[in-house]
Structure formats: C-alpha cells, structure tokens
Amino acid sequence: MGLGYRVFIVRGDEVVAPISQRAFNAFWHGREPGLRKYARQTVSFAMAFYETRNRRPSRCFRIDGLNARVMSSGRMDQQFYNEGLVLAVNMVQPISASGKVARSKAGSVIDARHDFTRRQHEARHHRISHKLQHLILKELGLA
C-alpha cells in the first residue's frame, strides 16, 4: 500500500479538468509555464490525497482546496506564492514559555493579527463542498 495524490482544476462545484502531477509540480515550482490556458487568472485547485492498492486509489483520506494566480506567461505568480508562505508562517500562534498561547496583557488592546492572517489564509484555501468531494471521488474511481 502506498500514498498518492491527484490535482484538479475546479470552478465552484464542478471539476473543470484533471492536471498531471508533473504539470502541476512544474507550475507550482516555477520551472515551466504549464497553465497558459489560464493566463491572468486566479485558478482554484483541489488536491485529493489517497492510499493506493496495486497502484490504484483505494481510499481518499483528504481533499484540500487552494488558489494560485497564473501570470500571462502561464507560470505561477511568485509574489502571490511568497505572500502565501508568509501567511503560512504567520498562522502559527506564538507560544509562551509555559506552553500556552501568548496573550497580550496590555489591557484593552487586542492583538488581532492572527485572526486577520487566518481570514487571509482561508481566502486562499477554499473549502471543498460535499458535491465537489463526490465528483472528485468519482474521478478517482472511489464513488
């Protein structure tokens, strides 16, 4: 038994197109302009992670959604990518020496940076609806 993943371009509750792992990785890491068809758009992806048996999907255990901005060349917008990395780091709440989440003791001043970061992160990682989950499972041959 192994692990695998597949990537789909999605729009709303429908699967627009599956995309090969090679093409997605080349796009994601900026090696090739793999998505010229979607130039100057923000594209929504769904990534399905699954267990394999005999090199075929046997059980899907997670489906994540994410967005990426495609430049006119078909490559990933590196500024958008770098902003996402900063958001990921900022999602980690500071921990105090006691092991508890650090809170401001400044009285009425509220540190809401983490809340704003969480909202920005959620905007970049869309939720996968039940309908879309079902369509993806059908594409994997699991529904």
N, C-alpha and C. Protein backbone atom coordinates (compact mmCIF):
# COMPACT_ATOMS: atom_id res chain seq x y z
N MET A 1 0.85 -1.18 0.00
CA MET A 1 0.00 0.00 0.00
C MET A 1 0.89 1.24 0.00
N GLY A 2 0.54 2.22 -0.84
CA GLY A 2 1.29 3.46 -0.92
C GLY A 2 0.38 4.65 -0.79
N LEU A 3 0.95 5.81 -1.03
CA LEU A 3 0.19 7.06 -0.99
C LEU A 3 0.31 7.75 -2.33
N GLY A 4 -0.70 8.52 -2.67
CA GLY A 4 -0.68 9.28 -3.91
C GLY A 4 -1.55 10.51 -3.81
N TYR A 5 -1.50 11.32 -4.84
CA TYR A 5 -2.37 12.49 -4.89
C TYR A 5 -2.67 12.81 -6.34
N ARG A 6 -3.78 13.47 -6.53
CA ARG A 6 -4.15 13.97 -7.85
C ARG A 6 -4.63 15.40 -7.69
N VAL A 7 -4.43 16.19 -8.73
CA VAL A 7 -4.78 17.60 -8.70
C VAL A 7 -5.83 17.86 -9.77
N PHE A 8 -6.83 18.64 -9.40
CA PHE A 8 -7.91 19.00 -10.32
C PHE A 8 -8.07 20.51 -10.32
N ILE A 9 -8.33 21.08 -11.48
CA ILE A 9 -8.72 22.48 -11.55
C ILE A 9 -10.23 22.49 -11.39
N VAL A 10 -10.70 23.32 -10.46
CA VAL A 10 -12.13 23.35 -10.15
C VAL A 10 -12.67 24.77 -10.28
N ARG A 11 -13.96 24.86 -10.50
CA ARG A 11 -14.64 26.16 -10.53
C ARG A 11 -15.98 25.93 -9.85
N GLY A 12 -16.18 26.56 -8.71
CA GLY A 12 -17.41 26.35 -7.96
C GLY A 12 -17.53 24.91 -7.53
N ASP A 13 -18.63 24.26 -7.91
CA ASP A 13 -18.87 22.87 -7.54
C ASP A 13 -18.62 21.91 -8.70
N GLU A 14 -17.80 22.30 -9.66
CA GLU A 14 -17.55 21.39 -10.78
C GLU A 14 -16.05 21.23 -11.03
N VAL A 15 -15.69 20.04 -11.47
CA VAL A 15 -14.32 19.74 -11.84
C VAL A 15 -14.14 20.20 -13.28
N VAL A 16 -13.25 21.17 -13.50
CA VAL A 16 -13.01 21.67 -14.85
C VAL A 16 -12.09 20.72 -15.60
N ALA A 17 -10.97 20.32 -14.95
CA ALA A 17 -10.02 19.44 -15.62
C ALA A 17 -9.06 18.82 -14.61
N PRO A 18 -8.73 17.55 -14.80
CA PRO A 18 -7.62 16.99 -14.01
C PRO A 18 -6.32 17.54 -14.59
N ILE A 19 -5.30 17.64 -13.76
CA ILE A 19 -4.00 18.12 -14.22
C ILE A 19 -2.95 17.11 -13.75
N SER A 20 -1.99 16.80 -14.59
CA SER A 20 -0.99 15.80 -14.23
C SER A 20 -0.11 16.32 -13.10
N GLN A 21 0.44 15.38 -12.32
CA GLN A 21 1.33 15.77 -11.23
C GLN A 21 2.56 16.48 -11.77
N ARG A 22 3.07 16.00 -12.90
CA ARG A 22 4.25 16.61 -13.50
C ARG A 22 3.96 18.07 -13.88
N ALA A 23 2.84 18.30 -14.54
CA ALA A 23 2.48 19.67 -14.95
C ALA A 23 2.24 20.56 -13.74
N PHE A 24 1.55 20.04 -12.72
CA PHE A 24 1.27 20.84 -11.53
C PHE A 24 2.57 21.19 -10.80
N ASN A 25 3.44 20.19 -10.61
CA ASN A 25 4.70 20.45 -9.90
C ASN A 25 5.58 21.44 -10.66
N ALA A 26 5.63 21.32 -11.98
CA ALA A 26 6.41 22.26 -12.78
C ALA A 26 5.83 23.67 -12.64
N PHE A 27 4.50 23.78 -12.66
CA PHE A 27 3.85 25.08 -12.48
C PHE A 27 4.11 25.61 -11.08
N TRP A 28 3.90 24.77 -10.06
CA TRP A 28 3.99 25.20 -8.67
C TRP A 28 5.41 25.66 -8.32
N HIS A 29 6.40 24.98 -8.87
CA HIS A 29 7.79 25.32 -8.56
C HIS A 29 8.40 26.26 -9.58
N GLY A 30 7.59 26.74 -10.53
CA GLY A 30 8.03 27.77 -11.46
C GLY A 30 8.98 27.31 -12.55
N ARG A 31 9.08 26.00 -12.77
CA ARG A 31 10.03 25.50 -13.77
C ARG A 31 9.50 25.66 -15.19
N GLU A 32 8.18 25.52 -15.37
CA GLU A 32 7.60 25.58 -16.71
C GLU A 32 6.31 26.40 -16.68
N PRO A 33 6.00 27.03 -17.80
CA PRO A 33 4.71 27.75 -17.90
C PRO A 33 3.59 26.77 -18.24
N GLY A 34 3.20 25.96 -17.28
CA GLY A 34 2.28 24.86 -17.53
C GLY A 34 0.82 25.21 -17.68
N LEU A 35 0.41 26.41 -17.33
CA LEU A 35 -1.02 26.72 -17.36
C LEU A 35 -1.31 27.95 -18.22
N ARG A 36 -0.80 27.96 -19.43
CA ARG A 36 -1.03 29.10 -20.33
C ARG A 36 -2.51 29.33 -20.60
N LYS A 37 -3.27 28.25 -20.61
CA LYS A 37 -4.71 28.34 -20.87
C LYS A 37 -5.42 29.21 -19.82
N TYR A 38 -4.84 29.29 -18.62
CA TYR A 38 -5.45 30.04 -17.52
C TYR A 38 -4.69 31.33 -17.22
N ALA A 39 -3.97 31.86 -18.21
CA ALA A 39 -3.16 33.07 -18.02
C ALA A 39 -4.01 34.23 -17.51
N ARG A 40 -3.41 34.99 -16.60
CA ARG A 40 -4.03 36.18 -16.00
C ARG A 40 -5.29 35.85 -15.21
N GLN A 41 -5.34 34.68 -14.63
CA GLN A 41 -6.49 34.27 -13.81
C GLN A 41 -5.99 33.74 -12.47
N THR A 42 -6.88 33.77 -11.49
CA THR A 42 -6.63 33.05 -10.25
C THR A 42 -7.37 31.73 -10.39
N VAL A 43 -6.62 30.64 -10.31
CA VAL A 43 -7.16 29.31 -10.55
C VAL A 43 -7.36 28.59 -9.22
N SER A 44 -8.47 27.89 -9.09
CA SER A 44 -8.75 27.09 -7.90
C SER A 44 -8.39 25.63 -8.19
N PHE A 45 -7.64 25.05 -7.26
CA PHE A 45 -7.24 23.65 -7.38
C PHE A 45 -7.87 22.86 -6.25
N ALA A 46 -8.12 21.59 -6.50
CA ALA A 46 -8.48 20.63 -5.45
C ALA A 46 -7.42 19.54 -5.50
N MET A 47 -6.83 19.23 -4.35
CA MET A 47 -5.82 18.17 -4.28
C MET A 47 -6.39 17.03 -3.45
N ALA A 48 -6.48 15.87 -4.06
CA ALA A 48 -7.00 14.68 -3.39
C ALA A 48 -5.83 13.79 -3.00
N PHE A 49 -5.73 13.46 -1.72
CA PHE A 49 -4.68 12.58 -1.21
C PHE A 49 -5.32 11.24 -0.89
N TYR A 50 -4.66 10.15 -1.29
CA TYR A 50 -5.29 8.84 -1.15
C TYR A 50 -4.26 7.75 -0.91
N GLU A 51 -4.76 6.62 -0.41
CA GLU A 51 -3.97 5.40 -0.29
C GLU A 51 -4.12 4.63 -1.59
N THR A 52 -3.08 3.90 -1.95
CA THR A 52 -3.15 3.10 -3.17
C THR A 52 -3.03 1.62 -2.85
N ARG A 53 -3.65 0.84 -3.69
CA ARG A 53 -3.51 -0.61 -3.66
C ARG A 53 -3.33 -1.02 -5.11
N ASN A 54 -2.26 -1.73 -5.42
CA ASN A 54 -1.92 -2.08 -6.80
C ASN A 54 -1.85 -0.85 -7.70
N ARG A 55 -1.27 0.22 -7.16
CA ARG A 55 -1.05 1.49 -7.85
C ARG A 55 -2.33 2.21 -8.24
N ARG A 56 -3.45 1.83 -7.67
CA ARG A 56 -4.74 2.48 -7.92
C ARG A 56 -5.25 3.08 -6.61
N PRO A 57 -5.98 4.22 -6.69
CA PRO A 57 -6.56 4.78 -5.46
C PRO A 57 -7.49 3.77 -4.79
N SER A 58 -7.32 3.58 -3.48
CA SER A 58 -8.20 2.66 -2.75
C SER A 58 -9.01 3.38 -1.68
N ARG A 59 -8.46 4.46 -1.11
CA ARG A 59 -9.18 5.22 -0.09
C ARG A 59 -8.66 6.65 -0.07
N CYS A 60 -9.57 7.59 -0.26
CA CYS A 60 -9.21 9.01 -0.21
C CYS A 60 -9.32 9.47 1.24
N PHE A 61 -8.26 10.07 1.77
CA PHE A 61 -8.30 10.49 3.17
C PHE A 61 -8.28 12.00 3.36
N ARG A 62 -8.09 12.75 2.27
CA ARG A 62 -8.10 14.21 2.42
C ARG A 62 -8.25 14.87 1.06
N ILE A 63 -9.04 15.93 1.01
CA ILE A 63 -9.16 16.76 -0.19
C ILE A 63 -9.01 18.21 0.25
N ASP A 64 -7.99 18.87 -0.26
CA ASP A 64 -7.72 20.27 0.08
C ASP A 64 -7.98 21.16 -1.12
N GLY A 65 -8.33 22.40 -0.85
CA GLY A 65 -8.51 23.39 -1.90
C GLY A 65 -7.49 24.50 -1.76
N LEU A 66 -6.99 25.00 -2.87
CA LEU A 66 -6.06 26.12 -2.83
C LEU A 66 -6.19 26.92 -4.12
N ASN A 67 -5.78 28.16 -4.04
CA ASN A 67 -5.84 29.06 -5.18
C ASN A 67 -4.42 29.47 -5.57
N ALA A 68 -4.21 29.74 -6.85
CA ALA A 68 -2.92 30.25 -7.32
C ALA A 68 -3.19 31.22 -8.46
N ARG A 69 -2.40 32.25 -8.50
CA ARG A 69 -2.53 33.25 -9.57
C ARG A 69 -1.57 32.87 -10.70
N VAL A 70 -2.10 32.86 -11.92
CA VAL A 70 -1.31 32.49 -13.10
C VAL A 70 -0.95 33.77 -13.86
N MET A 71 0.33 33.94 -14.14
CA MET A 71 0.78 35.12 -14.89
C MET A 71 0.49 34.92 -16.38
N SER A 72 0.69 35.96 -17.17
CA SER A 72 0.40 35.89 -18.60
C SER A 72 1.25 34.85 -19.31
N SER A 73 2.41 34.52 -18.75
CA SER A 73 3.29 33.51 -19.34
C SER A 73 2.83 32.09 -19.06
N GLY A 74 1.88 31.92 -18.13
CA GLY A 74 1.44 30.58 -17.74
C GLY A 74 2.16 30.06 -16.52
N ARG A 75 3.09 30.85 -15.99
CA ARG A 75 3.81 30.47 -14.77
C ARG A 75 3.07 31.00 -13.54
N MET A 76 3.43 30.44 -12.39
CA MET A 76 2.84 30.92 -11.14
C MET A 76 3.36 32.31 -10.82
N ASP A 77 2.49 33.16 -10.31
CA ASP A 77 2.86 34.49 -9.84
C ASP A 77 3.66 34.32 -8.55
N GLN A 78 4.97 34.59 -8.61
CA GLN A 78 5.84 34.35 -7.46
C GLN A 78 5.51 35.25 -6.28
N GLN A 79 5.04 36.46 -6.53
CA GLN A 79 4.66 37.33 -5.42
C GLN A 79 3.49 36.72 -4.65
N PHE A 80 2.50 36.20 -5.37
CA PHE A 80 1.35 35.54 -4.75
C PHE A 80 1.82 34.33 -3.94
N TYR A 81 2.75 33.56 -4.50
CA TYR A 81 3.31 32.38 -3.83
C TYR A 81 4.03 32.79 -2.55
N ASN A 82 4.89 33.81 -2.64
CA ASN A 82 5.65 34.27 -1.47
C ASN A 82 4.73 34.82 -0.38
N GLU A 83 3.67 35.53 -0.77
CA GLU A 83 2.70 36.02 0.21
C GLU A 83 2.05 34.84 0.93
N GLY A 84 1.80 33.76 0.22
CA GLY A 84 1.24 32.56 0.83
C GLY A 84 2.17 31.93 1.85
N LEU A 85 3.48 31.94 1.56
CA LEU A 85 4.45 31.41 2.52
C LEU A 85 4.47 32.24 3.80
N VAL A 86 4.41 33.56 3.64
CA VAL A 86 4.39 34.45 4.81
C VAL A 86 3.13 34.18 5.63
N LEU A 87 1.98 34.01 4.96
CA LEU A 87 0.74 33.71 5.68
C LEU A 87 0.86 32.40 6.44
N ALA A 88 1.46 31.39 5.83
CA ALA A 88 1.60 30.09 6.49
C ALA A 88 2.42 30.22 7.77
N VAL A 89 3.50 30.97 7.72
CA VAL A 89 4.33 31.18 8.91
C VAL A 89 3.56 31.97 9.96
N ASN A 90 2.82 32.99 9.53
CA ASN A 90 2.08 33.83 10.46
C ASN A 90 0.87 33.12 11.06
N MET A 91 0.47 31.99 10.49
CA MET A 91 -0.66 31.22 11.04
C MET A 91 -0.30 30.58 12.38
N VAL A 92 0.98 30.41 12.64
CA VAL A 92 1.42 29.79 13.89
C VAL A 92 1.32 30.83 15.00
N GLN A 93 0.50 30.52 16.00
CA GLN A 93 0.36 31.45 17.11
C GLN A 93 1.59 31.37 18.01
N PRO A 94 2.04 32.51 18.56
CA PRO A 94 3.18 32.47 19.46
C PRO A 94 2.84 31.70 20.74
N ILE A 95 3.78 30.90 21.19
CA ILE A 95 3.60 30.09 22.40
C ILE A 95 4.51 30.66 23.48
N SER A 96 3.99 30.81 24.69
CA SER A 96 4.80 31.31 25.80
C SER A 96 5.62 30.17 26.39
N ALA A 97 6.50 30.50 27.32
CA ALA A 97 7.36 29.50 27.95
C ALA A 97 6.55 28.45 28.70
N SER A 98 5.34 28.79 29.15
CA SER A 98 4.51 27.83 29.89
C SER A 98 3.82 26.85 28.96
N GLY A 99 3.94 27.06 27.64
CA GLY A 99 3.30 26.17 26.69
C GLY A 99 1.91 26.61 26.28
N LYS A 100 1.47 27.76 26.79
CA LYS A 100 0.15 28.28 26.43
C LYS A 100 0.28 29.34 25.35
N VAL A 101 -0.79 29.57 24.63
CA VAL A 101 -0.79 30.61 23.60
C VAL A 101 -0.58 31.96 24.27
N ALA A 102 0.40 32.71 23.78
CA ALA A 102 0.72 34.01 24.36
C ALA A 102 -0.41 35.00 24.11
N ARG A 103 -0.79 35.72 25.14
CA ARG A 103 -1.84 36.74 25.04
C ARG A 103 -1.28 38.08 25.52
N SER A 104 -1.76 39.13 24.92
CA SER A 104 -1.33 40.47 25.31
C SER A 104 -1.89 40.81 26.68
N LYS A 105 -1.08 41.47 27.52
CA LYS A 105 -1.52 41.89 28.84
C LYS A 105 -1.67 43.41 28.88
N ALA A 106 -1.90 44.00 27.73
CA ALA A 106 -1.94 45.46 27.62
C ALA A 106 -3.32 46.03 27.91
N GLY A 107 -4.15 45.32 28.64
CA GLY A 107 -5.46 45.85 28.98
C GLY A 107 -6.45 45.71 27.86
N SER A 108 -6.93 46.83 27.35
CA SER A 108 -7.98 46.81 26.34
C SER A 108 -7.46 46.65 24.91
N VAL A 109 -6.15 46.58 24.74
CA VAL A 109 -5.58 46.42 23.41
C VAL A 109 -5.67 44.94 23.01
N ILE A 110 -6.23 44.70 21.86
CA ILE A 110 -6.39 43.33 21.37
C ILE A 110 -5.46 43.12 20.19
N ASP A 111 -4.66 42.06 20.24
CA ASP A 111 -3.78 41.72 19.13
C ASP A 111 -4.54 40.78 18.21
N ALA A 112 -5.05 41.31 17.11
CA ALA A 112 -5.89 40.53 16.20
C ALA A 112 -5.14 40.09 14.94
N ARG A 113 -3.81 40.21 14.96
CA ARG A 113 -3.04 39.84 13.77
C ARG A 113 -3.31 38.41 13.33
N HIS A 114 -3.37 37.50 14.29
CA HIS A 114 -3.59 36.10 13.94
C HIS A 114 -4.96 35.91 13.30
N ASP A 115 -5.98 36.61 13.80
CA ASP A 115 -7.32 36.49 13.22
C ASP A 115 -7.34 36.99 11.77
N PHE A 116 -6.68 38.11 11.51
CA PHE A 116 -6.63 38.64 10.14
C PHE A 116 -5.86 37.68 9.22
N THR A 117 -4.76 37.15 9.74
CA THR A 117 -3.97 36.20 8.95
C THR A 117 -4.79 34.95 8.64
N ARG A 118 -5.54 34.46 9.61
CA ARG A 118 -6.38 33.28 9.41
C ARG A 118 -7.41 33.54 8.31
N ARG A 119 -8.02 34.72 8.31
CA ARG A 119 -9.00 35.06 7.28
C ARG A 119 -8.36 35.12 5.89
N GLN A 120 -7.17 35.71 5.81
CA GLN A 120 -6.46 35.77 4.53
C GLN A 120 -6.11 34.36 4.05
N HIS A 121 -5.68 33.51 4.98
CA HIS A 121 -5.33 32.13 4.65
C HIS A 121 -6.56 31.37 4.14
N GLU A 122 -7.70 31.56 4.79
CA GLU A 122 -8.93 30.89 4.36
C GLU A 122 -9.36 31.36 2.97
N ALA A 123 -9.10 32.62 2.64
CA ALA A 123 -9.45 33.13 1.31
C ALA A 123 -8.61 32.47 0.22
N ARG A 124 -7.40 32.05 0.57
CA ARG A 124 -6.52 31.40 -0.40
C ARG A 124 -6.77 29.90 -0.50
N HIS A 125 -7.38 29.33 0.50
CA HIS A 125 -7.62 27.88 0.55
C HIS A 125 -9.12 27.66 0.67
N HIS A 126 -9.78 27.56 -0.47
CA HIS A 126 -11.24 27.45 -0.48
C HIS A 126 -11.69 26.10 0.08
N ARG A 127 -12.89 26.10 0.61
CA ARG A 127 -13.48 24.87 1.14
C ARG A 127 -14.03 24.05 -0.02
N ILE A 128 -13.90 22.75 0.11
CA ILE A 128 -14.40 21.82 -0.91
C ILE A 128 -15.80 21.38 -0.47
N SER A 129 -16.80 21.67 -1.29
CA SER A 129 -18.18 21.31 -0.96
C SER A 129 -18.37 19.79 -1.04
N HIS A 130 -19.46 19.30 -0.43
CA HIS A 130 -19.77 17.87 -0.49
C HIS A 130 -19.99 17.42 -1.93
N LYS A 131 -20.64 18.26 -2.71
CA LYS A 131 -20.89 17.93 -4.11
C LYS A 131 -19.57 17.77 -4.87
N LEU A 132 -18.64 18.70 -4.65
CA LEU A 132 -17.35 18.63 -5.32
C LEU A 132 -16.55 17.43 -4.82
N GLN A 133 -16.62 17.14 -3.52
CA GLN A 133 -15.95 15.94 -2.99
C GLN A 133 -16.44 14.70 -3.71
N HIS A 134 -17.74 14.59 -3.89
CA HIS A 134 -18.32 13.42 -4.56
C HIS A 134 -17.82 13.32 -6.00
N LEU A 135 -17.78 14.45 -6.72
CA LEU A 135 -17.30 14.45 -8.10
C LEU A 135 -15.83 14.03 -8.18
N ILE A 136 -15.03 14.49 -7.24
CA ILE A 136 -13.61 14.12 -7.22
C ILE A 136 -13.46 12.63 -6.91
N LEU A 137 -14.24 12.12 -5.97
CA LEU A 137 -14.18 10.69 -5.67
C LEU A 137 -14.59 9.86 -6.89
N LYS A 138 -15.55 10.36 -7.67
CA LYS A 138 -15.93 9.67 -8.92
C LYS A 138 -14.76 9.67 -9.90
N GLU A 139 -14.07 10.81 -10.01
CA GLU A 139 -12.91 10.90 -10.90
C GLU A 139 -11.81 9.91 -10.49
N LEU A 140 -11.70 9.67 -9.17
CA LEU A 140 -10.70 8.73 -8.66
C LEU A 140 -11.16 7.28 -8.75
N GLY A 141 -12.42 7.08 -9.10
CA GLY A 141 -12.98 5.73 -9.17
C GLY A 141 -13.33 5.17 -7.80
N LEU A 142 -13.63 6.06 -6.86
CA LEU A 142 -13.92 5.64 -5.48
C LEU A 142 -15.37 5.88 -5.08
N ALA A 143 -16.21 6.38 -5.98
CA ALA A 143 -17.61 6.64 -5.63
C ALA A 143 -18.54 5.81 -6.49
